[in-house]
N, C-alpha and C. Protein backbone atom coordinates (compact mmCIF):
# COMPACT_ATOMS: atom_id res chain seq x y z
N MET A 1 0.85 -1.17 0.00
CA MET A 1 0.00 0.00 0.00
C MET A 1 0.90 1.24 0.00
N SER A 2 0.54 2.23 -0.74
CA SER A 2 1.37 3.43 -0.85
C SER A 2 1.38 4.18 0.48
N ALA A 3 2.47 4.89 0.71
CA ALA A 3 2.66 5.58 1.99
C ALA A 3 1.57 6.61 2.25
N ASP A 4 1.03 7.23 1.21
CA ASP A 4 0.05 8.29 1.45
C ASP A 4 -1.33 7.74 1.82
N LEU A 5 -1.65 6.50 1.48
CA LEU A 5 -2.91 5.90 1.90
C LEU A 5 -2.77 5.20 3.25
N ALA A 6 -1.60 4.68 3.54
CA ALA A 6 -1.39 3.89 4.75
C ALA A 6 -1.82 4.58 6.04
N PRO A 7 -1.63 5.89 6.22
CA PRO A 7 -2.09 6.50 7.47
C PRO A 7 -3.62 6.55 7.59
N HIS A 8 -4.33 6.37 6.48
CA HIS A 8 -5.78 6.51 6.47
C HIS A 8 -6.53 5.18 6.38
N PHE A 9 -5.88 4.16 5.81
CA PHE A 9 -6.56 2.88 5.59
C PHE A 9 -5.65 1.75 6.02
N PRO A 10 -6.12 0.83 6.87
CA PRO A 10 -7.45 0.80 7.46
C PRO A 10 -7.70 2.02 8.36
N PRO A 11 -8.95 2.47 8.41
CA PRO A 11 -9.27 3.63 9.24
C PRO A 11 -9.01 3.34 10.72
N ARG A 12 -8.94 4.40 11.48
CA ARG A 12 -8.61 4.32 12.90
C ARG A 12 -9.50 3.35 13.65
N ARG A 13 -8.85 2.52 14.46
CA ARG A 13 -9.55 1.51 15.25
C ARG A 13 -10.30 2.18 16.41
N ALA A 14 -11.30 1.48 16.94
CA ALA A 14 -12.10 1.95 18.07
C ALA A 14 -12.88 3.22 17.73
N ARG A 15 -13.19 3.40 16.46
CA ARG A 15 -13.99 4.52 15.99
C ARG A 15 -14.98 3.99 14.95
N VAL A 16 -15.97 4.81 14.64
CA VAL A 16 -16.96 4.46 13.61
C VAL A 16 -16.75 5.39 12.42
N HIS A 17 -16.71 4.80 11.25
CA HIS A 17 -16.45 5.50 9.99
C HIS A 17 -17.66 5.31 9.08
N GLU A 18 -17.68 6.04 7.98
CA GLU A 18 -18.78 5.93 7.01
C GLU A 18 -18.23 5.79 5.61
N ALA A 19 -18.97 5.08 4.78
CA ALA A 19 -18.67 4.98 3.36
C ALA A 19 -19.97 5.16 2.59
N CYS A 20 -19.87 5.87 1.46
CA CYS A 20 -21.03 6.06 0.59
C CYS A 20 -20.58 5.85 -0.85
N GLY A 21 -21.52 5.85 -1.74
CA GLY A 21 -21.21 5.68 -3.16
C GLY A 21 -21.40 4.24 -3.61
N PRO A 22 -21.44 4.02 -4.93
CA PRO A 22 -21.73 2.69 -5.47
C PRO A 22 -20.64 1.66 -5.18
N GLY A 23 -19.45 2.08 -4.74
CA GLY A 23 -18.39 1.14 -4.42
C GLY A 23 -18.23 0.88 -2.93
N MET A 24 -19.22 1.32 -2.13
CA MET A 24 -19.06 1.21 -0.67
C MET A 24 -19.01 -0.23 -0.18
N HIS A 25 -19.70 -1.15 -0.85
CA HIS A 25 -19.65 -2.55 -0.42
C HIS A 25 -18.25 -3.13 -0.65
N GLY A 26 -17.63 -2.75 -1.76
CA GLY A 26 -16.25 -3.18 -2.01
C GLY A 26 -15.30 -2.62 -0.98
N PHE A 27 -15.51 -1.36 -0.59
CA PHE A 27 -14.70 -0.74 0.45
C PHE A 27 -14.81 -1.55 1.75
N ALA A 28 -16.06 -1.90 2.11
CA ALA A 28 -16.28 -2.67 3.34
C ALA A 28 -15.58 -4.03 3.28
N ALA A 29 -15.67 -4.70 2.13
CA ALA A 29 -15.03 -6.01 1.99
C ALA A 29 -13.51 -5.89 2.08
N MET A 30 -12.94 -4.86 1.44
CA MET A 30 -11.49 -4.68 1.49
C MET A 30 -11.02 -4.31 2.89
N LEU A 31 -11.83 -3.54 3.61
CA LEU A 31 -11.51 -3.24 5.00
C LEU A 31 -11.56 -4.51 5.84
N ALA A 32 -12.59 -5.31 5.65
CA ALA A 32 -12.71 -6.57 6.42
C ALA A 32 -11.51 -7.47 6.18
N ALA A 33 -11.02 -7.51 4.94
CA ALA A 33 -9.89 -8.36 4.61
C ALA A 33 -8.61 -7.91 5.30
N GLN A 34 -8.53 -6.63 5.65
CA GLN A 34 -7.34 -6.10 6.32
C GLN A 34 -7.32 -6.44 7.81
N LEU A 35 -8.47 -6.84 8.35
CA LEU A 35 -8.59 -7.10 9.78
C LEU A 35 -8.73 -8.60 10.03
N GLU A 36 -8.47 -9.02 11.24
CA GLU A 36 -8.55 -10.43 11.62
C GLU A 36 -9.94 -10.76 12.17
N GLY A 37 -10.29 -12.03 12.12
CA GLY A 37 -11.47 -12.51 12.81
C GLY A 37 -12.78 -12.30 12.07
N PRO A 38 -13.88 -12.68 12.73
CA PRO A 38 -15.20 -12.57 12.10
C PRO A 38 -15.65 -11.12 11.96
N VAL A 39 -16.50 -10.90 10.96
CA VAL A 39 -17.06 -9.58 10.66
C VAL A 39 -18.57 -9.69 10.73
N LEU A 40 -19.20 -8.77 11.43
CA LEU A 40 -20.66 -8.73 11.47
C LEU A 40 -21.13 -7.69 10.48
N TRP A 41 -22.03 -8.12 9.57
CA TRP A 41 -22.60 -7.23 8.54
C TRP A 41 -24.10 -7.16 8.79
N ILE A 42 -24.59 -5.97 9.14
CA ILE A 42 -25.99 -5.78 9.53
C ILE A 42 -26.73 -5.09 8.39
N ARG A 43 -27.88 -5.66 8.04
CA ARG A 43 -28.68 -5.04 6.98
C ARG A 43 -30.16 -5.31 7.23
N GLU A 44 -31.00 -4.43 6.70
CA GLU A 44 -32.44 -4.60 6.85
C GLU A 44 -32.93 -5.70 5.91
N TYR A 45 -33.77 -6.59 6.42
CA TYR A 45 -34.16 -7.79 5.67
C TYR A 45 -34.98 -7.48 4.42
N TRP A 46 -35.63 -6.32 4.37
CA TRP A 46 -36.53 -6.01 3.26
C TRP A 46 -35.81 -5.43 2.04
N ARG A 47 -34.51 -5.17 2.16
CA ARG A 47 -33.78 -4.60 1.02
C ARG A 47 -33.83 -5.56 -0.17
N PRO A 48 -34.04 -5.03 -1.38
CA PRO A 48 -34.15 -5.92 -2.54
C PRO A 48 -32.83 -6.60 -2.91
N GLU A 49 -31.69 -5.94 -2.61
CA GLU A 49 -30.41 -6.56 -2.94
C GLU A 49 -30.11 -7.61 -1.87
N VAL A 50 -29.39 -8.64 -2.28
CA VAL A 50 -29.01 -9.70 -1.35
C VAL A 50 -27.50 -9.68 -1.20
N LEU A 51 -27.04 -9.77 0.03
CA LEU A 51 -25.61 -9.86 0.28
C LEU A 51 -25.20 -11.33 0.17
N ASN A 52 -24.38 -11.64 -0.82
CA ASN A 52 -23.93 -13.01 -1.03
C ASN A 52 -22.47 -13.12 -0.60
N PRO A 53 -22.21 -13.74 0.56
CA PRO A 53 -20.82 -13.85 1.02
C PRO A 53 -19.89 -14.51 -0.01
N LEU A 54 -20.40 -15.44 -0.80
CA LEU A 54 -19.56 -16.09 -1.81
C LEU A 54 -19.13 -15.10 -2.89
N GLY A 55 -19.93 -14.07 -3.12
CA GLY A 55 -19.57 -13.05 -4.11
C GLY A 55 -18.38 -12.21 -3.69
N LEU A 56 -18.03 -12.26 -2.41
CA LEU A 56 -16.88 -11.51 -1.90
C LEU A 56 -15.65 -12.39 -1.75
N SER A 57 -15.72 -13.64 -2.20
CA SER A 57 -14.66 -14.61 -1.91
C SER A 57 -13.30 -14.27 -2.51
N ASP A 58 -13.25 -13.44 -3.55
CA ASP A 58 -11.94 -13.01 -4.08
C ASP A 58 -11.24 -12.06 -3.12
N ILE A 59 -12.01 -11.46 -2.23
CA ILE A 59 -11.46 -10.48 -1.30
C ILE A 59 -11.46 -11.01 0.14
N LEU A 60 -12.52 -11.68 0.52
CA LEU A 60 -12.75 -12.03 1.92
C LEU A 60 -13.24 -13.47 2.02
N ASP A 61 -12.70 -14.22 2.97
CA ASP A 61 -13.16 -15.59 3.22
C ASP A 61 -14.62 -15.52 3.67
N PRO A 62 -15.56 -16.10 2.92
CA PRO A 62 -16.98 -16.00 3.29
C PRO A 62 -17.28 -16.58 4.67
N ALA A 63 -16.47 -17.51 5.15
CA ALA A 63 -16.69 -18.10 6.46
C ALA A 63 -16.51 -17.09 7.59
N ARG A 64 -15.83 -15.98 7.31
CA ARG A 64 -15.62 -14.95 8.33
C ARG A 64 -16.80 -14.00 8.47
N LEU A 65 -17.75 -14.07 7.55
CA LEU A 65 -18.83 -13.09 7.48
C LEU A 65 -20.08 -13.59 8.18
N LEU A 66 -20.53 -12.84 9.18
CA LEU A 66 -21.78 -13.10 9.88
C LEU A 66 -22.77 -12.04 9.42
N VAL A 67 -23.93 -12.45 8.91
CA VAL A 67 -24.92 -11.50 8.40
C VAL A 67 -26.11 -11.47 9.35
N ALA A 68 -26.44 -10.28 9.83
CA ALA A 68 -27.62 -10.09 10.69
C ALA A 68 -28.65 -9.31 9.89
N GLN A 69 -29.84 -9.89 9.72
CA GLN A 69 -30.92 -9.19 9.01
C GLN A 69 -31.91 -8.69 10.05
N VAL A 70 -32.16 -7.39 10.01
CA VAL A 70 -33.00 -6.75 11.02
C VAL A 70 -34.21 -6.09 10.36
N LYS A 71 -35.15 -5.68 11.21
CA LYS A 71 -36.41 -5.11 10.70
C LYS A 71 -36.23 -3.71 10.13
N ASP A 72 -35.50 -2.85 10.85
CA ASP A 72 -35.39 -1.45 10.43
C ASP A 72 -34.10 -0.83 10.97
N GLN A 73 -33.93 0.46 10.72
CA GLN A 73 -32.68 1.11 11.11
C GLN A 73 -32.53 1.17 12.63
N THR A 74 -33.62 1.30 13.36
CA THR A 74 -33.55 1.31 14.82
C THR A 74 -32.92 0.02 15.32
N ASP A 75 -33.39 -1.11 14.77
CA ASP A 75 -32.82 -2.40 15.16
C ASP A 75 -31.37 -2.52 14.70
N ALA A 76 -31.07 -2.02 13.49
CA ALA A 76 -29.70 -2.09 12.98
C ALA A 76 -28.74 -1.35 13.90
N LEU A 77 -29.14 -0.17 14.37
CA LEU A 77 -28.30 0.62 15.26
C LEU A 77 -28.13 -0.06 16.62
N ALA A 78 -29.21 -0.68 17.12
CA ALA A 78 -29.13 -1.37 18.41
C ALA A 78 -28.17 -2.56 18.32
N VAL A 79 -28.28 -3.34 17.24
CA VAL A 79 -27.39 -4.50 17.07
C VAL A 79 -25.95 -4.03 16.89
N ALA A 80 -25.74 -2.98 16.10
CA ALA A 80 -24.39 -2.47 15.88
C ALA A 80 -23.78 -1.98 17.19
N GLU A 81 -24.56 -1.26 17.97
CA GLU A 81 -24.05 -0.74 19.23
C GLU A 81 -23.62 -1.87 20.17
N GLU A 82 -24.47 -2.89 20.29
CA GLU A 82 -24.12 -4.02 21.17
C GLU A 82 -22.89 -4.76 20.67
N ALA A 83 -22.83 -4.98 19.37
CA ALA A 83 -21.68 -5.72 18.80
C ALA A 83 -20.39 -4.93 18.97
N LEU A 84 -20.42 -3.62 18.76
CA LEU A 84 -19.23 -2.80 18.94
C LEU A 84 -18.78 -2.80 20.40
N ARG A 85 -19.72 -2.66 21.30
CA ARG A 85 -19.39 -2.60 22.73
C ARG A 85 -18.84 -3.93 23.24
N ASN A 86 -19.32 -5.03 22.70
CA ASN A 86 -18.90 -6.36 23.14
C ASN A 86 -17.41 -6.57 22.94
N GLY A 87 -16.85 -6.08 21.83
CA GLY A 87 -15.42 -6.15 21.60
C GLY A 87 -14.90 -7.45 21.02
N SER A 88 -15.76 -8.42 20.78
CA SER A 88 -15.27 -9.70 20.24
C SER A 88 -15.12 -9.67 18.72
N LEU A 89 -15.65 -8.63 18.07
CA LEU A 89 -15.53 -8.48 16.63
C LEU A 89 -14.62 -7.30 16.32
N LYS A 90 -13.72 -7.46 15.36
CA LYS A 90 -12.84 -6.35 14.97
C LYS A 90 -13.57 -5.34 14.10
N LEU A 91 -14.60 -5.82 13.35
CA LEU A 91 -15.32 -4.93 12.43
C LEU A 91 -16.81 -5.24 12.46
N VAL A 92 -17.60 -4.16 12.56
CA VAL A 92 -19.05 -4.24 12.47
C VAL A 92 -19.48 -3.29 11.34
N VAL A 93 -20.14 -3.84 10.33
CA VAL A 93 -20.62 -3.06 9.18
C VAL A 93 -22.13 -2.96 9.29
N ALA A 94 -22.66 -1.75 9.16
CA ALA A 94 -24.12 -1.55 9.21
C ALA A 94 -24.56 -0.78 7.99
N GLU A 95 -25.47 -1.37 7.21
CA GLU A 95 -26.07 -0.67 6.06
C GLU A 95 -27.25 0.13 6.58
N LEU A 96 -27.21 1.45 6.36
CA LEU A 96 -28.25 2.34 6.88
C LEU A 96 -28.95 3.05 5.73
N GLY A 97 -30.27 3.02 5.73
CA GLY A 97 -31.03 3.62 4.63
C GLY A 97 -31.53 5.02 4.92
N GLU A 98 -31.52 5.42 6.20
CA GLU A 98 -32.02 6.74 6.59
C GLU A 98 -30.87 7.58 7.13
N PRO A 99 -31.07 8.90 7.22
CA PRO A 99 -30.02 9.75 7.79
C PRO A 99 -29.67 9.30 9.21
N LEU A 100 -28.41 9.43 9.57
CA LEU A 100 -27.94 9.05 10.90
C LEU A 100 -27.74 10.32 11.71
N GLY A 101 -28.54 10.49 12.75
CA GLY A 101 -28.47 11.68 13.58
C GLY A 101 -27.23 11.71 14.46
N LEU A 102 -27.00 12.87 15.07
CA LEU A 102 -25.82 13.06 15.90
C LEU A 102 -25.85 12.15 17.13
N THR A 103 -26.99 12.05 17.80
CA THR A 103 -27.05 11.24 19.03
C THR A 103 -26.80 9.76 18.75
N PRO A 104 -27.46 9.13 17.75
CA PRO A 104 -27.13 7.73 17.46
C PRO A 104 -25.69 7.56 17.00
N GLY A 105 -25.17 8.55 16.27
CA GLY A 105 -23.79 8.49 15.83
C GLY A 105 -22.82 8.52 17.00
N ARG A 106 -23.11 9.35 17.99
CA ARG A 106 -22.27 9.41 19.19
C ARG A 106 -22.35 8.11 20.00
N ARG A 107 -23.55 7.55 20.08
CA ARG A 107 -23.69 6.28 20.81
C ARG A 107 -22.83 5.19 20.17
N LEU A 108 -22.82 5.14 18.83
CA LEU A 108 -21.97 4.16 18.15
C LEU A 108 -20.49 4.43 18.44
N GLN A 109 -20.09 5.70 18.45
CA GLN A 109 -18.69 6.03 18.74
C GLN A 109 -18.30 5.58 20.15
N LEU A 110 -19.16 5.81 21.13
CA LEU A 110 -18.86 5.38 22.50
C LEU A 110 -18.77 3.86 22.60
N ALA A 111 -19.65 3.16 21.89
CA ALA A 111 -19.62 1.69 21.91
C ALA A 111 -18.34 1.17 21.27
N ALA A 112 -17.92 1.78 20.15
CA ALA A 112 -16.68 1.36 19.48
C ALA A 112 -15.48 1.61 20.39
N LYS A 113 -15.48 2.72 21.08
CA LYS A 113 -14.39 3.03 22.00
C LYS A 113 -14.34 2.03 23.14
N ASP A 114 -15.50 1.71 23.72
CA ASP A 114 -15.56 0.75 24.82
C ASP A 114 -15.07 -0.63 24.41
N GLY A 115 -15.47 -1.08 23.20
CA GLY A 115 -15.13 -2.42 22.75
C GLY A 115 -13.85 -2.51 21.95
N ARG A 116 -13.23 -1.37 21.65
CA ARG A 116 -12.01 -1.34 20.81
C ARG A 116 -12.26 -2.00 19.46
N SER A 117 -13.47 -1.83 18.93
CA SER A 117 -13.87 -2.37 17.64
C SER A 117 -13.99 -1.24 16.63
N THR A 118 -13.90 -1.59 15.35
CA THR A 118 -14.09 -0.62 14.28
C THR A 118 -15.51 -0.77 13.73
N GLY A 119 -16.18 0.35 13.54
CA GLY A 119 -17.51 0.34 12.94
C GLY A 119 -17.47 1.02 11.58
N LEU A 120 -18.27 0.51 10.66
CA LEU A 120 -18.40 1.13 9.34
C LEU A 120 -19.87 1.19 8.98
N CYS A 121 -20.40 2.40 8.81
CA CYS A 121 -21.78 2.59 8.37
C CYS A 121 -21.77 2.84 6.87
N LEU A 122 -22.53 2.05 6.14
CA LEU A 122 -22.71 2.24 4.70
C LEU A 122 -23.96 3.09 4.54
N ILE A 123 -23.78 4.28 3.97
CA ILE A 123 -24.85 5.28 3.95
C ILE A 123 -25.11 5.78 2.54
N SER A 124 -26.26 6.37 2.34
CA SER A 124 -26.53 7.11 1.11
C SER A 124 -25.83 8.45 1.20
N GLU A 125 -25.47 9.01 0.06
CA GLU A 125 -24.83 10.32 0.01
C GLU A 125 -25.68 11.34 0.76
N GLY A 126 -25.06 12.07 1.68
CA GLY A 126 -25.77 13.10 2.42
C GLY A 126 -26.45 12.61 3.69
N ASN A 127 -26.41 11.31 3.97
CA ASN A 127 -27.10 10.76 5.14
C ASN A 127 -26.17 10.47 6.30
N GLY A 128 -24.96 11.02 6.30
CA GLY A 128 -24.00 10.72 7.34
C GLY A 128 -24.24 11.48 8.63
N SER A 129 -23.46 11.11 9.63
CA SER A 129 -23.54 11.73 10.94
C SER A 129 -22.32 12.61 11.18
N ASN A 130 -22.52 13.72 11.88
CA ASN A 130 -21.40 14.57 12.26
C ASN A 130 -20.46 13.84 13.22
N ALA A 131 -20.93 12.76 13.84
CA ALA A 131 -20.10 12.01 14.79
C ALA A 131 -19.09 11.09 14.09
N ALA A 132 -19.25 10.85 12.79
CA ALA A 132 -18.35 9.92 12.09
C ALA A 132 -16.91 10.42 12.14
N GLU A 133 -15.98 9.49 12.36
CA GLU A 133 -14.56 9.84 12.37
C GLU A 133 -14.07 10.19 10.97
N THR A 134 -14.39 9.32 10.00
CA THR A 134 -14.07 9.59 8.60
C THR A 134 -15.27 9.23 7.74
N ARG A 135 -15.30 9.82 6.55
CA ARG A 135 -16.31 9.46 5.55
C ARG A 135 -15.60 9.31 4.21
N TRP A 136 -15.89 8.19 3.54
CA TRP A 136 -15.27 7.85 2.26
C TRP A 136 -16.34 7.77 1.18
N ARG A 137 -16.07 8.39 0.03
CA ARG A 137 -16.93 8.22 -1.15
C ARG A 137 -16.22 7.24 -2.08
N CYS A 138 -16.88 6.14 -2.39
CA CYS A 138 -16.24 5.03 -3.11
C CYS A 138 -16.97 4.79 -4.43
N THR A 139 -16.20 4.82 -5.51
CA THR A 139 -16.79 4.70 -6.84
C THR A 139 -16.00 3.69 -7.67
N PRO A 140 -16.67 2.67 -8.21
CA PRO A 140 -15.96 1.77 -9.13
C PRO A 140 -15.46 2.57 -10.33
N THR A 141 -14.31 2.19 -10.84
CA THR A 141 -13.70 2.89 -11.96
C THR A 141 -13.58 1.95 -13.14
N PHE A 142 -13.95 2.43 -14.30
CA PHE A 142 -13.85 1.62 -15.52
C PHE A 142 -12.39 1.41 -15.88
N ASP A 143 -12.03 0.17 -16.10
CA ASP A 143 -10.69 -0.16 -16.57
C ASP A 143 -10.76 -0.30 -18.08
N PRO A 144 -10.12 0.62 -18.85
CA PRO A 144 -10.24 0.57 -20.31
C PRO A 144 -9.70 -0.73 -20.91
N GLU A 145 -8.81 -1.40 -20.19
CA GLU A 145 -8.28 -2.66 -20.68
C GLU A 145 -9.20 -3.84 -20.33
N GLY A 146 -10.20 -3.58 -19.48
CA GLY A 146 -11.17 -4.61 -19.13
C GLY A 146 -10.60 -5.75 -18.30
N LEU A 147 -9.49 -5.50 -17.62
CA LEU A 147 -8.82 -6.58 -16.89
C LEU A 147 -9.09 -6.56 -15.39
N ASP A 148 -9.58 -5.45 -14.86
CA ASP A 148 -9.65 -5.31 -13.41
C ASP A 148 -11.02 -4.84 -12.97
N SER A 149 -11.81 -5.73 -12.40
CA SER A 149 -13.14 -5.36 -11.92
C SER A 149 -13.10 -4.81 -10.50
N THR A 150 -11.92 -4.82 -9.85
CA THR A 150 -11.82 -4.32 -8.48
C THR A 150 -11.33 -2.88 -8.41
N LEU A 151 -11.08 -2.25 -9.54
CA LEU A 151 -10.54 -0.89 -9.56
C LEU A 151 -11.57 0.09 -8.99
N GLN A 152 -11.13 0.92 -8.03
CA GLN A 152 -12.02 1.87 -7.38
C GLN A 152 -11.33 3.21 -7.21
N HIS A 153 -12.14 4.26 -7.12
CA HIS A 153 -11.67 5.61 -6.77
C HIS A 153 -12.24 5.90 -5.39
N TRP A 154 -11.35 6.14 -4.42
CA TRP A 154 -11.77 6.44 -3.05
C TRP A 154 -11.44 7.89 -2.73
N ASP A 155 -12.45 8.64 -2.32
CA ASP A 155 -12.29 10.01 -1.85
C ASP A 155 -12.51 10.03 -0.34
N LEU A 156 -11.54 10.48 0.41
CA LEU A 156 -11.71 10.71 1.84
C LEU A 156 -12.28 12.12 1.98
N ILE A 157 -13.58 12.22 2.22
CA ILE A 157 -14.27 13.52 2.16
C ILE A 157 -14.51 14.12 3.55
N LYS A 158 -14.25 13.34 4.59
CA LYS A 158 -14.34 13.85 5.97
C LYS A 158 -13.29 13.12 6.78
N ASN A 159 -12.55 13.88 7.59
CA ASN A 159 -11.53 13.27 8.44
C ASN A 159 -11.35 14.16 9.67
N LYS A 160 -11.82 13.69 10.82
CA LYS A 160 -11.74 14.49 12.04
C LYS A 160 -10.31 14.65 12.55
N SER A 161 -9.42 13.75 12.16
CA SER A 161 -8.08 13.79 12.74
C SER A 161 -6.97 13.87 11.71
N GLY A 162 -7.24 14.42 10.55
CA GLY A 162 -6.18 14.51 9.55
C GLY A 162 -6.65 15.16 8.27
N THR A 163 -5.91 14.91 7.22
CA THR A 163 -6.17 15.54 5.93
C THR A 163 -7.14 14.71 5.10
N LEU A 164 -7.61 15.31 4.02
CA LEU A 164 -8.46 14.64 3.05
C LEU A 164 -7.58 14.19 1.89
N GLY A 165 -8.11 13.35 1.02
CA GLY A 165 -7.34 12.90 -0.12
C GLY A 165 -8.16 12.00 -1.02
N PHE A 166 -7.54 11.53 -2.10
CA PHE A 166 -8.22 10.57 -2.98
C PHE A 166 -7.18 9.63 -3.55
N TRP A 167 -7.62 8.41 -3.86
CA TRP A 167 -6.74 7.36 -4.35
C TRP A 167 -7.48 6.48 -5.33
N HIS A 168 -6.76 5.96 -6.31
CA HIS A 168 -7.25 4.87 -7.15
C HIS A 168 -6.62 3.61 -6.58
N VAL A 169 -7.47 2.64 -6.25
CA VAL A 169 -6.98 1.41 -5.63
C VAL A 169 -7.52 0.20 -6.38
N ARG A 170 -6.83 -0.91 -6.20
CA ARG A 170 -7.33 -2.18 -6.71
C ARG A 170 -6.91 -3.28 -5.76
N TRP A 171 -7.67 -4.34 -5.74
CA TRP A 171 -7.37 -5.50 -4.92
C TRP A 171 -6.47 -6.44 -5.72
N ASP A 172 -5.35 -6.84 -5.13
CA ASP A 172 -4.44 -7.77 -5.79
C ASP A 172 -4.91 -9.19 -5.49
N ARG A 173 -5.61 -9.78 -6.44
CA ARG A 173 -6.19 -11.11 -6.23
C ARG A 173 -5.14 -12.19 -6.02
N GLU A 174 -3.98 -12.00 -6.64
CA GLU A 174 -2.93 -13.01 -6.53
C GLU A 174 -2.34 -13.04 -5.13
N ALA A 175 -2.26 -11.90 -4.48
CA ALA A 175 -1.58 -11.82 -3.19
C ALA A 175 -2.53 -11.86 -1.99
N HIS A 176 -3.85 -11.74 -2.22
CA HIS A 176 -4.74 -11.50 -1.09
C HIS A 176 -4.77 -12.61 -0.07
N ARG A 177 -4.62 -13.85 -0.46
CA ARG A 177 -4.72 -14.94 0.52
C ARG A 177 -3.58 -14.91 1.52
N GLU A 178 -2.43 -14.40 1.10
CA GLU A 178 -1.28 -14.36 2.00
C GLU A 178 -1.11 -13.00 2.67
N THR A 179 -1.34 -11.93 1.92
CA THR A 179 -0.95 -10.61 2.44
C THR A 179 -2.09 -9.59 2.46
N HIS A 180 -3.27 -9.94 1.99
CA HIS A 180 -4.39 -8.98 1.97
C HIS A 180 -3.96 -7.69 1.31
N ARG A 181 -3.57 -7.74 0.05
CA ARG A 181 -2.96 -6.61 -0.62
C ARG A 181 -3.96 -5.69 -1.30
N LEU A 182 -3.98 -4.48 -0.84
CA LEU A 182 -4.68 -3.40 -1.51
C LEU A 182 -3.61 -2.54 -2.13
N ARG A 183 -3.71 -2.28 -3.41
CA ARG A 183 -2.67 -1.52 -4.10
C ARG A 183 -3.23 -0.18 -4.57
N VAL A 184 -2.41 0.86 -4.40
CA VAL A 184 -2.71 2.16 -4.98
C VAL A 184 -2.16 2.14 -6.40
N VAL A 185 -2.98 2.55 -7.36
CA VAL A 185 -2.58 2.49 -8.77
C VAL A 185 -2.82 3.85 -9.42
N SER A 186 -2.28 4.02 -10.60
CA SER A 186 -2.53 5.24 -11.38
C SER A 186 -3.97 5.25 -11.86
N ALA A 187 -4.48 6.43 -12.06
CA ALA A 187 -5.83 6.55 -12.60
C ALA A 187 -5.87 5.98 -14.01
N PRO A 188 -7.02 5.41 -14.44
CA PRO A 188 -7.13 4.94 -15.82
C PRO A 188 -6.79 6.07 -16.78
N GLY A 189 -6.05 5.75 -17.81
CA GLY A 189 -5.61 6.75 -18.77
C GLY A 189 -4.27 7.35 -18.43
N GLU A 190 -3.78 7.12 -17.20
CA GLU A 190 -2.47 7.62 -16.79
C GLU A 190 -1.46 6.49 -16.67
N ARG A 191 -1.87 5.28 -16.98
CA ARG A 191 -0.96 4.14 -16.86
C ARG A 191 -0.11 4.00 -18.10
N PRO A 192 1.08 3.41 -17.96
CA PRO A 192 1.91 3.17 -19.13
C PRO A 192 1.14 2.36 -20.16
N GLY A 193 1.16 2.80 -21.39
CA GLY A 193 0.47 2.08 -22.46
C GLY A 193 -1.00 2.41 -22.57
N ALA A 194 -1.52 3.27 -21.70
CA ALA A 194 -2.96 3.57 -21.72
C ALA A 194 -3.37 4.26 -23.01
N ALA A 195 -2.54 5.15 -23.52
CA ALA A 195 -2.89 5.85 -24.76
C ALA A 195 -2.99 4.86 -25.92
N HIS A 196 -2.10 3.88 -25.92
CA HIS A 196 -2.15 2.85 -26.97
C HIS A 196 -3.40 1.99 -26.81
N ALA A 197 -3.76 1.68 -25.56
CA ALA A 197 -4.89 0.80 -25.32
C ALA A 197 -6.19 1.45 -25.72
N THR A 198 -6.30 2.78 -25.57
CA THR A 198 -7.56 3.45 -25.88
C THR A 198 -7.56 4.12 -27.25
N GLY A 199 -6.41 4.15 -27.90
CA GLY A 199 -6.30 4.89 -29.16
C GLY A 199 -6.71 4.13 -30.36
């Protein structure tokens, strides 16, 4: 991982962070792969999309993923708070469909601090909480060579304890089983041979 992303990713432990954008699920999976142990992924049962742990197998061992399906956001926040406070999970991911207020956001932060766990809320653009430690906008990026479906553009758009930035990243499928490799790469069109590939 490049030196300029390393201070920011994985995000600070014992805090709750947010990700938005169409690549936020990939961000969550890549974060989970960087951490040890089981991951709890909380989502509302009525959502039309289905989370398929096998679909993440290039990035994350599906056996590490625990999925909790809840009735609504109130239940999702209650489960996330308890799981963060318990401390037996390194990462708790919660998909939230409604805006997250300051008070629930602070409660999650206190629970993460108590349990020394990392929380990640997957939110719609504009639905974040002022209590979030960081917020990332994650967008899949088209690879003109058609070789890399994991290519993403990550914007760090909120950071309570540092600077903002952006990176193009990809998951190294060859190395992930041994080293969990996330690589910072050049933007499409800026890579060697890109002009030839698109010309």
